[in-house]
Amino acid sequence: MSDEQTLWQLQVRLAQQAFNFWATFMALAGGADNNRSLSADEAARWMCIIRAVSWVESQHGTVDGQTHGIADPMQCGNPGDSFWQELIGTATQFSRFVGGPGAGNYDTNQLPNAVAAAGTAPSGVLLSVLGDRTQGHNDSGFGPALSYFRGIVWLIHRTNTDSSIPDGKFYKCGDSSKQRLLQGAVDYNGGGDPQYGDKINAALTDSGYMG
């Protein structure tokens, strides 16, 4: 087993719990018409791109330093980033998360309370675990469970609302193709690394995902 595989086994449960929650809570849909639940293959593809992002961002929570990668494997909790500011309500504009049939629609800053009210979120993912939300992953209460949970919802959003997708909405996963997911990962990075797409593609290949 490779180092990447070994390290992923330490994180995969948290990532899977997070993805499963969002798939149900926001009624993710797939297919050409986005009119059915995700298939097992489509869900597996999402887990592959999550795995690739986790590896590129922090080598599954083993690269630390100023980025706090051990606590924040998905690197979603930087207090200076727009997503974190949206999440805690200090931004001036907010993204819209549109759920599928039977699910709700939320601005980014509405997600934390909606998740807490649902009562079904995995342990350790509520913002109430933080002493100071404005500190993001600098807060001592920030951990990998929270990182995967919040990072995955942002990855799904960035993927499914990419400007190239007609009528893109959070819940509309379409064909969950490699090209679509790869572009979503690049969008997730936000342009900070011009080589990000190549790194994600290499991570997908190295982990055996070639679909």
C-alpha atoms as a PDB file:
ATOM      1  CA  MET A   1       0.000   0.000   0.000  1.00  0.00           C
ATOM      2  CA  SER A   2       1.391   3.416  -0.962  1.00  0.00           C
ATOM      3  CA  ASP A   3       1.927   6.238   1.510  1.00  0.00           C
ATOM      4  CA  GLU A   4      -0.986   8.090  -0.083  1.00  0.00           C
ATOM      5  CA  GLN A   5      -3.299   5.102   0.361  1.00  0.00           C
ATOM      6  CA  THR A   6      -2.196   4.596   3.961  1.00  0.00           C
ATOM      7  CA  LEU A   7      -2.772   8.246   4.849  1.00  0.00           C
ATOM      8  CA  TRP A   8      -6.134   8.327   3.080  1.00  0.00           C
ATOM      9  CA  GLN A   9      -7.334   5.401   5.154  1.00  0.00           C
ATOM     10  CA  LEU A  10      -6.896   7.621   8.221  1.00  0.00           C
ATOM     11  CA  GLN A  11      -9.206  10.285   6.757  1.00  0.00           C
ATOM     12  CA  VAL A  12     -11.642   8.515   4.472  1.00  0.00           C
ATOM     13  CA  ARG A  13     -14.266   7.919   7.164  1.00  0.00           C
ATOM     14  CA  LEU A  14     -14.530  11.643   7.903  1.00  0.00           C
ATOM     15  CA  ALA A  15     -14.692  12.507   4.225  1.00  0.00           C
ATOM     16  CA  GLN A  16     -17.303   9.851   3.489  1.00  0.00           C
ATOM     17  CA  GLN A  17     -19.498  10.937   6.401  1.00  0.00           C
ATOM     18  CA  ALA A  18     -19.317  14.532   5.216  1.00  0.00           C
ATOM     19  CA  PHE A  19     -20.168  13.704   1.621  1.00  0.00           C
ATOM     20  CA  ASN A  20     -23.031  11.435   2.646  1.00  0.00           C
ATOM     21  CA  PHE A  21     -24.497  14.192   4.798  1.00  0.00           C
ATOM     22  CA  TRP A  22     -24.445  16.790   2.034  1.00  0.00           C
ATOM     23  CA  ALA A  23     -25.766  14.328  -0.548  1.00  0.00           C
ATOM     24  CA  THR A  24     -28.820  13.715   1.633  1.00  0.00           C
ATOM     25  CA  PHE A  25     -29.249  17.165   3.198  1.00  0.00           C
ATOM     26  CA  MET A  26     -29.099  18.961  -0.146  1.00  0.00           C
ATOM     27  CA  ALA A  27     -30.647  16.147  -2.223  1.00  0.00           C
ATOM     28  CA  LEU A  28     -27.808  15.871  -4.719  1.00  0.00           C
ATOM     29  CA  ALA A  29     -29.010  14.644  -8.102  1.00  0.00           C
ATOM     30  CA  GLY A  30     -27.344  13.171 -11.164  1.00  0.00           C
ATOM     31  CA  GLY A  31     -28.018  12.206 -14.739  1.00  0.00           C
ATOM     32  CA  ALA A  32     -28.546  14.264 -17.870  1.00  0.00           C
ATOM     33  CA  ASP A  33     -31.679  15.843 -16.389  1.00  0.00           C
ATOM     34  CA  ASN A  34     -30.528  15.846 -12.746  1.00  0.00           C
ATOM     35  CA  ASN A  35     -33.719  14.017 -11.857  1.00  0.00           C
ATOM     36  CA  ARG A  36     -32.465  11.070  -9.822  1.00  0.00           C
ATOM     37  CA  SER A  37     -30.298  10.336  -6.828  1.00  0.00           C
ATOM     38  CA  LEU A  38     -26.586   9.867  -7.408  1.00  0.00           C
ATOM     39  CA  SER A  39     -25.615   6.380  -8.493  1.00  0.00           C
ATOM     40  CA  ALA A  40     -22.991   4.438  -6.564  1.00  0.00           C
ATOM     41  CA  ASP A  41     -20.494   5.105  -9.368  1.00  0.00           C
ATOM     42  CA  GLU A  42     -21.184   8.842  -9.339  1.00  0.00           C
ATOM     43  CA  ALA A  43     -20.812   9.027  -5.573  1.00  0.00           C
ATOM     44  CA  ALA A  44     -17.525   7.113  -5.871  1.00  0.00           C
ATOM     45  CA  ARG A  45     -16.285   9.653  -8.419  1.00  0.00           C
ATOM     46  CA  TRP A  46     -16.990  12.468  -5.970  1.00  0.00           C
ATOM     47  CA  MET A  47     -15.030  10.660  -3.307  1.00  0.00           C
ATOM     48  CA  CYS A  48     -12.133  10.353  -5.760  1.00  0.00           C
ATOM     49  CA  ILE A  49     -11.987  14.110  -6.389  1.00  0.00           C
ATOM     50  CA  ILE A  50     -12.287  14.788  -2.647  1.00  0.00           C
ATOM     51  CA  ARG A  51      -9.392  12.416  -2.087  1.00  0.00           C
ATOM     52  CA  ALA A  52      -7.327  14.168  -4.760  1.00  0.00           C
ATOM     53  CA  VAL A  53      -8.002  17.623  -3.296  1.00  0.00           C
ATOM     54  CA  SER A  54      -7.125  16.380   0.183  1.00  0.00           C
ATOM     55  CA  TRP A  55      -3.829  15.016  -1.097  1.00  0.00           C
ATOM     56  CA  VAL A  56      -2.839  18.094  -3.096  1.00  0.00           C
ATOM     57  CA  GLU A  57      -3.851  20.499  -0.337  1.00  0.00           C
ATOM     58  CA  SER A  58      -2.171  18.783   2.616  1.00  0.00           C
ATOM     59  CA  GLN A  59      -1.158  15.212   1.751  1.00  0.00           C
ATOM     60  CA  HIS A  60      -4.195  14.087   3.746  1.00  0.00           C
ATOM     61  CA  GLY A  61      -3.421  16.211   6.774  1.00  0.00           C
ATOM     62  CA  THR A  62       0.303  15.589   7.116  1.00  0.00           C
ATOM     63  CA  VAL A  63       1.721  18.882   5.776  1.00  0.00           C
ATOM     64  CA  ASP A  64       1.381  21.543   8.434  1.00  0.00           C
ATOM     65  CA  GLY A  65       3.319  24.766   8.920  1.00  0.00           C
ATOM     66  CA  GLN A  66       1.579  28.086   8.366  1.00  0.00           C
ATOM     67  CA  THR A  67      -1.261  26.399   6.446  1.00  0.00           C
ATOM     68  CA  HIS A  68      -2.401  24.330   9.466  1.00  0.00           C
ATOM     69  CA  GLY A  69      -2.732  21.291   7.211  1.00  0.00           C
ATOM     70  CA  ILE A  70      -2.938  18.783  10.066  1.00  0.00           C
ATOM     71  CA  ALA A  71      -6.066  20.444  11.426  1.00  0.00           C
ATOM     72  CA  ASP A  72      -7.365  21.511   8.006  1.00  0.00           C
ATOM     73  CA  PRO A  73      -6.619  18.856   5.356  1.00  0.00           C
ATOM     74  CA  MET A  74      -8.969  20.474   2.820  1.00  0.00           C
ATOM     75  CA  GLN A  75      -7.594  23.972   3.479  1.00  0.00           C
ATOM     76  CA  CYS A  76     -11.078  25.475   3.691  1.00  0.00           C
ATOM     77  CA  GLY A  77     -10.629  27.277   7.022  1.00  0.00           C
ATOM     78  CA  ASN A  78      -8.203  30.051   6.161  1.00  0.00           C
ATOM     79  CA  PRO A  79      -9.756  33.049   7.932  1.00  0.00           C
ATOM     80  CA  GLY A  80      -8.574  35.323   5.119  1.00  0.00           C
ATOM     81  CA  ASP A  81     -10.367  33.375   2.376  1.00  0.00           C
ATOM     82  CA  SER A  82     -13.716  34.485   0.996  1.00  0.00           C
ATOM     83  CA  PHE A  83     -15.407  31.136   1.673  1.00  0.00           C
ATOM     84  CA  TRP A  84     -14.654  31.217   5.381  1.00  0.00           C
ATOM     85  CA  GLN A  85     -15.773  34.825   5.634  1.00  0.00           C
ATOM     86  CA  GLU A  86     -19.011  33.924   3.849  1.00  0.00           C
ATOM     87  CA  LEU A  87     -19.548  30.966   6.159  1.00  0.00           C
ATOM     88  CA  ILE A  88     -19.253  32.983   9.370  1.00  0.00           C
ATOM     89  CA  GLY A  89     -21.223  35.921   7.995  1.00  0.00           C
ATOM     90  CA  THR A  90     -18.517  38.605   7.805  1.00  0.00           C
ATOM     91  CA  ALA A  91     -18.510  38.835   3.993  1.00  0.00           C
ATOM     92  CA  THR A  92     -20.500  41.433   2.059  1.00  0.00           C
ATOM     93  CA  GLN A  93     -21.758  38.954  -0.564  1.00  0.00           C
ATOM     94  CA  PHE A  94     -22.761  35.326  -0.226  1.00  0.00           C
ATOM     95  CA  SER A  95     -22.980  32.321  -2.519  1.00  0.00           C
ATOM     96  CA  ARG A  96     -26.307  30.547  -2.995  1.00  0.00           C
ATOM     97  CA  PHE A  97     -26.619  26.835  -2.273  1.00  0.00           C
ATOM     98  CA  VAL A  98     -29.705  25.467  -4.040  1.00  0.00           C
ATOM     99  CA  GLY A  99     -30.920  22.074  -2.900  1.00  0.00           C
ATOM    100  CA  GLY A 100     -32.823  19.474  -4.871  1.00  0.00           C
ATOM    101  CA  PRO A 101     -36.508  18.622  -4.479  1.00  0.00           C
ATOM    102  CA  GLY A 102     -37.459  18.563  -0.802  1.00  0.00           C
ATOM    103  CA  ALA A 103     -34.218  20.223   0.317  1.00  0.00           C
ATOM    104  CA  GLY A 104     -33.657  23.840   1.282  1.00  0.00           C
ATOM    105  CA  ASN A 105     -31.906  26.753  -0.370  1.00  0.00           C
ATOM    106  CA  TYR A 106     -29.319  28.695   1.626  1.00  0.00           C
ATOM    107  CA  ASP A 107     -26.859  31.531   1.460  1.00  0.00           C
ATOM    108  CA  THR A 108     -23.430  30.464   2.698  1.00  0.00           C
ATOM    109  CA  ASN A 109     -23.875  32.123   6.082  1.00  0.00           C
ATOM    110  CA  GLN A 110     -27.195  30.315   6.590  1.00  0.00           C
ATOM    111  CA  LEU A 111     -25.652  26.853   6.244  1.00  0.00           C
ATOM    112  CA  PRO A 112     -24.180  26.580   9.773  1.00  0.00           C
ATOM    113  CA  ASN A 113     -27.504  27.128  11.541  1.00  0.00           C
ATOM    114  CA  ALA A 114     -29.387  24.936   9.079  1.00  0.00           C
ATOM    115  CA  VAL A 115     -26.936  22.093   9.599  1.00  0.00           C
ATOM    116  CA  ALA A 116     -27.079  22.459  13.372  1.00  0.00           C
ATOM    117  CA  ALA A 117     -30.883  22.454  13.315  1.00  0.00           C
ATOM    118  CA  ALA A 118     -30.965  19.255  11.248  1.00  0.00           C
ATOM    119  CA  GLY A 119     -29.430  17.304  14.119  1.00  0.00           C
ATOM    120  CA  THR A 120     -27.895  14.711  11.781  1.00  0.00           C
ATOM    121  CA  ALA A 121     -24.451  16.156  11.117  1.00  0.00           C
ATOM    122  CA  PRO A 122     -21.363  14.098  11.979  1.00  0.00           C
ATOM    123  CA  SER A 123     -19.544  14.785  15.223  1.00  0.00           C
ATOM    124  CA  GLY A 124     -17.122  17.703  15.350  1.00  0.00           C
ATOM    125  CA  VAL A 125     -18.353  19.627  12.304  1.00  0.00           C
ATOM    126  CA  LEU A 126     -20.497  22.375  13.817  1.00  0.00           C
ATOM    127  CA  LEU A 127     -18.978  25.834  14.115  1.00  0.00           C
ATOM    128  CA  SER A 128     -19.847  25.727  17.812  1.00  0.00           C
ATOM    129  CA  VAL A 129     -16.693  23.639  18.342  1.00  0.00           C
ATOM    130  CA  LEU A 130     -14.668  26.808  17.698  1.00  0.00           C
ATOM    131  CA  GLY A 131     -13.838  29.295  20.406  1.00  0.00           C
ATOM    132  CA  ASP A 132     -13.523  32.104  17.871  1.00  0.00           C
ATOM    133  CA  ARG A 133     -15.016  31.549  14.419  1.00  0.00           C
ATOM    134  CA  THR A 134     -13.133  34.482  12.962  1.00  0.00           C
ATOM    135  CA  GLN A 135      -9.866  32.603  13.523  1.00  0.00           C
ATOM    136  CA  GLY A 136     -10.832  29.748  11.206  1.00  0.00           C
ATOM    137  CA  HIS A 137      -8.278  26.963  11.224  1.00  0.00           C
ATOM    138  CA  ASN A 138      -6.122  28.970  13.628  1.00  0.00           C
ATOM    139  CA  ASP A 139      -8.640  28.182  16.365  1.00  0.00           C
ATOM    140  CA  SER A 140      -7.624  25.238  18.554  1.00  0.00           C
ATOM    141  CA  GLY A 141     -11.054  23.639  18.113  1.00  0.00           C
ATOM    142  CA  PHE A 142     -10.661  23.306  14.350  1.00  0.00           C
ATOM    143  CA  GLY A 143     -10.056  19.709  13.277  1.00  0.00           C
ATOM    144  CA  PRO A 144     -10.129  17.397  10.240  1.00  0.00           C
ATOM    145  CA  ALA A 145     -13.824  16.527  10.644  1.00  0.00           C
ATOM    146  CA  LEU A 146     -14.770  20.182  10.320  1.00  0.00           C
ATOM    147  CA  SER A 147     -12.320  20.628   7.440  1.00  0.00           C
ATOM    148  CA  TYR A 148     -13.751  17.817   5.322  1.00  0.00           C
ATOM    149  CA  PHE A 149     -17.302  18.790   6.140  1.00  0.00           C
ATOM    150  CA  ARG A 150     -16.922  22.445   5.146  1.00  0.00           C
ATOM    151  CA  GLY A 151     -14.432  21.827   2.356  1.00  0.00           C
ATOM    152  CA  ILE A 152     -16.627  19.265   0.643  1.00  0.00           C
ATOM    153  CA  VAL A 153     -19.682  21.505   0.541  1.00  0.00           C
ATOM    154  CA  TRP A 154     -17.576  24.247  -1.053  1.00  0.00           C
ATOM    155  CA  LEU A 155     -16.055  21.790  -3.545  1.00  0.00           C
ATOM    156  CA  ILE A 156     -19.521  20.604  -4.594  1.00  0.00           C
ATOM    157  CA  HIS A 157     -20.699  24.182  -4.952  1.00  0.00           C
ATOM    158  CA  ARG A 158     -17.713  25.269  -7.020  1.00  0.00           C
ATOM    159  CA  THR A 159     -18.021  22.206  -9.252  1.00  0.00           C
ATOM    160  CA  ASN A 160     -21.729  22.362  -9.944  1.00  0.00           C
ATOM    161  CA  THR A 161     -21.969  26.133 -10.430  1.00  0.00           C
ATOM    162  CA  ASP A 162     -18.987  26.487 -12.769  1.00  0.00           C
ATOM    163  CA  SER A 163     -19.657  29.136 -15.426  1.00  0.00           C
ATOM    164  CA  SER A 164     -19.413  26.537 -18.205  1.00  0.00           C
ATOM    165  CA  ILE A 165     -22.433  24.607 -16.882  1.00  0.00           C
ATOM    166  CA  PRO A 166     -25.860  25.814 -18.113  1.00  0.00           C
ATOM    167  CA  ASP A 167     -28.231  26.479 -15.210  1.00  0.00           C
ATOM    168  CA  GLY A 168     -25.642  25.256 -12.740  1.00  0.00           C
ATOM    169  CA  LYS A 169     -27.003  24.761  -9.240  1.00  0.00           C
ATOM    170  CA  PHE A 170     -25.510  23.174  -6.148  1.00  0.00           C
ATOM    171  CA  TYR A 171     -27.571  19.986  -6.267  1.00  0.00           C
ATOM    172  CA  LYS A 172     -27.157  19.362 -10.017  1.00  0.00           C
ATOM    173  CA  CYS A 173     -24.221  16.978 -10.355  1.00  0.00           C
ATOM    174  CA  GLY A 174     -24.919  16.017 -13.962  1.00  0.00           C
ATOM    175  CA  ASP A 175     -22.689  13.250 -15.245  1.00  0.00           C
ATOM    176  CA  SER A 176     -20.026  13.659 -12.518  1.00  0.00           C
ATOM    177  CA  SER A 177     -17.434  13.195 -15.255  1.00  0.00           C
ATOM    178  CA  LYS A 178     -13.717  13.457 -14.621  1.00  0.00           C
ATOM    179  CA  GLN A 179     -13.526  16.651 -16.668  1.00  0.00           C
ATOM    180  CA  ARG A 180     -16.323  18.270 -14.672  1.00  0.00           C
ATOM    181  CA  LEU A 181     -14.868  17.257 -11.304  1.00  0.00           C
ATOM    182  CA  LEU A 182     -11.358  18.304 -12.310  1.00  0.00           C
ATOM    183  CA  GLN A 183     -12.595  21.761 -13.291  1.00  0.00           C
ATOM    184  CA  GLY A 184     -14.464  21.953 -10.004  1.00  0.00           C
ATOM    185  CA  ALA A 185     -11.266  21.259  -8.106  1.00  0.00           C
ATOM    186  CA  VAL A 186      -9.499  24.048 -10.006  1.00  0.00           C
ATOM    187  CA  ASP A 187     -12.373  26.376  -9.137  1.00  0.00           C
ATOM    188  CA  TYR A 188     -12.111  25.265  -5.520  1.00  0.00           C
ATOM    189  CA  ASN A 189      -8.471  26.343  -5.490  1.00  0.00           C
ATOM    190  CA  GLY A 190      -9.535  29.751  -6.760  1.00  0.00           C
ATOM    191  CA  GLY A 191      -6.541  30.312  -9.017  1.00  0.00           C
ATOM    192  CA  GLY A 192      -3.930  30.433  -6.297  1.00  0.00           C
ATOM    193  CA  ASP A 193      -1.834  27.727  -7.980  1.00  0.00           C
ATOM    194  CA  PRO A 194      -1.594  27.734 -11.819  1.00  0.00           C
ATOM    195  CA  GLN A 195      -0.453  24.094 -11.691  1.00  0.00           C
ATOM    196  CA  TYR A 196      -3.353  22.971  -9.509  1.00  0.00           C
ATOM    197  CA  GLY A 197      -5.215  21.154 -12.274  1.00  0.00           C
ATOM    198  CA  ASP A 198      -2.130  19.159 -13.222  1.00  0.00           C
ATOM    199  CA  LYS A 199      -1.521  18.247  -9.591  1.00  0.00           C
ATOM    200  CA  ILE A 200      -5.131  17.078  -9.145  1.00  0.00           C
ATOM    201  CA  ASN A 201      -4.984  15.064 -12.358  1.00  0.00           C
ATOM    202  CA  ALA A 202      -1.774  13.391 -11.187  1.00  0.00           C
ATOM    203  CA  ALA A 203      -3.354  12.600  -7.818  1.00  0.00           C
ATOM    204  CA  LEU A 204      -6.370  11.044  -9.549  1.00  0.00           C
ATOM    205  CA  THR A 205      -4.081   8.901 -11.691  1.00  0.00           C
ATOM    206  CA  ASP A 206      -1.866   7.871  -8.794  1.00  0.00           C
ATOM    207  CA  SER A 207      -4.882   6.796  -6.737  1.00  0.00           C
ATOM    208  CA  GLY A 208      -6.139   4.635  -9.604  1.00  0.00           C
ATOM    209  CA  TYR A 209      -9.004   6.851 -10.739  1.00  0.00           C
ATOM    210  CA  MET A 210      -8.973   6.962 -14.551  1.00  0.00           C
ATOM    211  CA  GLY A 211     -12.696   7.375 -15.353  1.00  0.00           C
END
